[in-house]
Amino acid sequence: MAEITKDMTIGEILRTNPDVAPILMNAGMHCLGCPSAQGETLAEAAMVHGLDADALMSEIAKLS
């Protein structure tokens, strides 16, 4: 599996590994299919939602 980074857009992450969707949904990122998700990085989305991007990355890393 390709490496996922917090500098990837939400869209890129979901194309790389769709199994990440439940992690993001559980964190409160419910608009995974919206246009913003195609251009917003995980780090940016985490900031907007008041989340810790590194904590999200830790959860995502558990998938591999």
N, C-alpha and C. Protein backbone atom coordinates (compact mmCIF):
# COMPACT_ATOMS: atom_id res chain seq x y z
N MET A 1 0.83 -1.17 0.00
CA MET A 1 0.00 0.00 0.00
C MET A 1 0.89 1.24 0.00
N ALA A 2 0.45 2.26 -0.74
CA ALA A 2 1.20 3.51 -0.78
C ALA A 2 1.14 4.20 0.57
N GLU A 3 2.19 4.92 0.88
CA GLU A 3 2.25 5.62 2.16
C GLU A 3 1.29 6.81 2.15
N ILE A 4 0.57 6.97 3.22
CA ILE A 4 -0.33 8.10 3.39
C ILE A 4 0.35 9.11 4.30
N THR A 5 0.29 10.38 3.88
CA THR A 5 0.87 11.45 4.69
C THR A 5 -0.20 12.49 4.98
N LYS A 6 0.06 13.34 5.97
CA LYS A 6 -0.91 14.38 6.31
C LYS A 6 -0.88 15.53 5.31
N ASP A 7 0.06 15.50 4.36
CA ASP A 7 0.13 16.51 3.31
C ASP A 7 -0.65 16.09 2.06
N MET A 8 -1.22 14.90 2.09
CA MET A 8 -2.07 14.43 0.99
C MET A 8 -3.48 15.00 1.18
N THR A 9 -4.18 15.23 0.06
CA THR A 9 -5.56 15.67 0.19
C THR A 9 -6.42 14.51 0.67
N ILE A 10 -7.58 14.85 1.23
CA ILE A 10 -8.50 13.82 1.69
C ILE A 10 -8.87 12.91 0.51
N GLY A 11 -9.10 13.52 -0.65
CA GLY A 11 -9.43 12.73 -1.84
C GLY A 11 -8.33 11.74 -2.20
N GLU A 12 -7.07 12.19 -2.16
CA GLU A 12 -5.94 11.30 -2.46
C GLU A 12 -5.87 10.16 -1.46
N ILE A 13 -6.08 10.49 -0.19
CA ILE A 13 -6.02 9.46 0.85
C ILE A 13 -7.09 8.41 0.62
N LEU A 14 -8.30 8.84 0.31
CA LEU A 14 -9.39 7.89 0.11
C LEU A 14 -9.20 7.05 -1.15
N ARG A 15 -8.57 7.63 -2.17
CA ARG A 15 -8.26 6.84 -3.37
C ARG A 15 -7.15 5.84 -3.08
N THR A 16 -6.21 6.22 -2.22
CA THR A 16 -5.11 5.33 -1.86
C THR A 16 -5.60 4.18 -1.00
N ASN A 17 -6.47 4.51 -0.02
CA ASN A 17 -6.99 3.47 0.87
C ASN A 17 -8.39 3.87 1.37
N PRO A 18 -9.43 3.37 0.73
CA PRO A 18 -10.80 3.71 1.14
C PRO A 18 -11.12 3.31 2.59
N ASP A 19 -10.35 2.41 3.16
CA ASP A 19 -10.58 1.98 4.54
C ASP A 19 -10.31 3.09 5.56
N VAL A 20 -9.73 4.19 5.11
CA VAL A 20 -9.46 5.33 5.99
C VAL A 20 -10.76 6.09 6.29
N ALA A 21 -11.75 5.96 5.42
CA ALA A 21 -13.00 6.72 5.57
C ALA A 21 -13.62 6.60 6.96
N PRO A 22 -13.78 5.39 7.52
CA PRO A 22 -14.39 5.31 8.85
C PRO A 22 -13.60 6.05 9.94
N ILE A 23 -12.28 6.07 9.81
CA ILE A 23 -11.45 6.79 10.79
C ILE A 23 -11.77 8.28 10.72
N LEU A 24 -11.85 8.80 9.50
CA LEU A 24 -12.14 10.22 9.33
C LEU A 24 -13.56 10.54 9.77
N MET A 25 -14.49 9.68 9.43
CA MET A 25 -15.89 9.89 9.83
C MET A 25 -16.01 9.89 11.36
N ASN A 26 -15.36 8.94 12.01
CA ASN A 26 -15.42 8.86 13.48
C ASN A 26 -14.79 10.08 14.14
N ALA A 27 -13.85 10.71 13.43
CA ALA A 27 -13.19 11.90 13.97
C ALA A 27 -14.04 13.16 13.75
N GLY A 28 -15.14 13.04 13.00
CA GLY A 28 -16.02 14.18 12.77
C GLY A 28 -15.92 14.79 11.39
N MET A 29 -15.14 14.18 10.52
CA MET A 29 -15.02 14.67 9.14
C MET A 29 -16.07 13.96 8.30
N HIS A 30 -17.28 14.52 8.29
CA HIS A 30 -18.40 13.84 7.64
C HIS A 30 -18.57 14.20 6.17
N CYS A 31 -17.83 15.14 5.66
CA CYS A 31 -18.01 15.59 4.29
C CYS A 31 -16.88 15.09 3.40
N LEU A 32 -16.67 13.79 3.40
CA LEU A 32 -15.53 13.22 2.66
C LEU A 32 -15.69 13.35 1.15
N GLY A 33 -16.91 13.44 0.67
CA GLY A 33 -17.14 13.53 -0.76
C GLY A 33 -17.32 14.95 -1.26
N CYS A 34 -17.27 15.92 -0.37
CA CYS A 34 -17.50 17.31 -0.79
C CYS A 34 -16.30 17.84 -1.57
N PRO A 35 -16.51 18.90 -2.35
CA PRO A 35 -15.40 19.46 -3.14
C PRO A 35 -14.18 19.85 -2.32
N SER A 36 -14.38 20.30 -1.09
CA SER A 36 -13.24 20.68 -0.25
C SER A 36 -12.31 19.50 -0.02
N ALA A 37 -12.87 18.31 0.08
CA ALA A 37 -12.06 17.12 0.36
C ALA A 37 -11.09 16.82 -0.78
N GLN A 38 -11.41 17.30 -1.97
CA GLN A 38 -10.52 17.06 -3.11
C GLN A 38 -9.30 17.97 -3.11
N GLY A 39 -9.39 19.10 -2.40
CA GLY A 39 -8.28 20.04 -2.42
C GLY A 39 -7.69 20.34 -1.06
N GLU A 40 -8.26 19.77 -0.01
CA GLU A 40 -7.82 20.05 1.36
C GLU A 40 -6.96 18.90 1.87
N THR A 41 -5.80 19.22 2.41
CA THR A 41 -4.94 18.17 2.95
C THR A 41 -5.49 17.68 4.28
N LEU A 42 -5.02 16.53 4.70
CA LEU A 42 -5.42 16.00 6.00
C LEU A 42 -5.06 16.99 7.10
N ALA A 43 -3.89 17.58 7.02
CA ALA A 43 -3.45 18.56 8.03
C ALA A 43 -4.39 19.76 8.06
N GLU A 44 -4.78 20.26 6.88
CA GLU A 44 -5.69 21.40 6.82
C GLU A 44 -7.07 21.03 7.36
N ALA A 45 -7.58 19.87 6.97
CA ALA A 45 -8.89 19.43 7.43
C ALA A 45 -8.89 19.23 8.94
N ALA A 46 -7.81 18.69 9.47
CA ALA A 46 -7.71 18.49 10.92
C ALA A 46 -7.76 19.84 11.63
N MET A 47 -7.05 20.82 11.09
CA MET A 47 -7.03 22.14 11.70
C MET A 47 -8.44 22.75 11.69
N VAL A 48 -9.12 22.66 10.57
CA VAL A 48 -10.47 23.22 10.45
C VAL A 48 -11.43 22.56 11.44
N HIS A 49 -11.24 21.26 11.66
CA HIS A 49 -12.14 20.52 12.54
C HIS A 49 -11.64 20.48 14.00
N GLY A 50 -10.53 21.16 14.28
CA GLY A 50 -10.01 21.20 15.64
C GLY A 50 -9.45 19.86 16.10
N LEU A 51 -8.86 19.12 15.16
CA LEU A 51 -8.33 17.79 15.46
C LEU A 51 -6.81 17.79 15.38
N ASP A 52 -6.20 16.80 15.97
CA ASP A 52 -4.75 16.61 15.94
C ASP A 52 -4.41 15.72 14.74
N ALA A 53 -3.76 16.30 13.74
CA ALA A 53 -3.42 15.55 12.52
C ALA A 53 -2.51 14.36 12.84
N ASP A 54 -1.62 14.52 13.79
CA ASP A 54 -0.73 13.40 14.14
C ASP A 54 -1.49 12.25 14.78
N ALA A 55 -2.51 12.56 15.56
CA ALA A 55 -3.34 11.51 16.15
C ALA A 55 -4.11 10.77 15.07
N LEU A 56 -4.61 11.51 14.08
CA LEU A 56 -5.29 10.86 12.95
C LEU A 56 -4.32 9.96 12.18
N MET A 57 -3.10 10.45 11.99
CA MET A 57 -2.10 9.66 11.28
C MET A 57 -1.79 8.38 12.05
N SER A 58 -1.77 8.43 13.36
CA SER A 58 -1.53 7.25 14.18
C SER A 58 -2.63 6.21 13.95
N GLU A 59 -3.87 6.68 13.88
CA GLU A 59 -5.00 5.77 13.64
C GLU A 59 -4.92 5.17 12.23
N ILE A 60 -4.58 6.01 11.26
CA ILE A 60 -4.47 5.54 9.88
C ILE A 60 -3.35 4.52 9.75
N ALA A 61 -2.25 4.74 10.46
CA ALA A 61 -1.10 3.82 10.39
C ALA A 61 -1.46 2.44 10.89
N LYS A 62 -2.45 2.33 11.76
CA LYS A 62 -2.87 1.02 12.27
C LYS A 62 -3.51 0.16 11.20
N LEU A 63 -3.92 0.75 10.08
CA LEU A 63 -4.54 -0.02 9.00
C LEU A 63 -3.53 -0.85 8.23
N SER A 64 -2.27 -0.45 8.25
CA SER A 64 -1.28 -1.17 7.44
C SER A 64 -0.63 -2.30 8.19
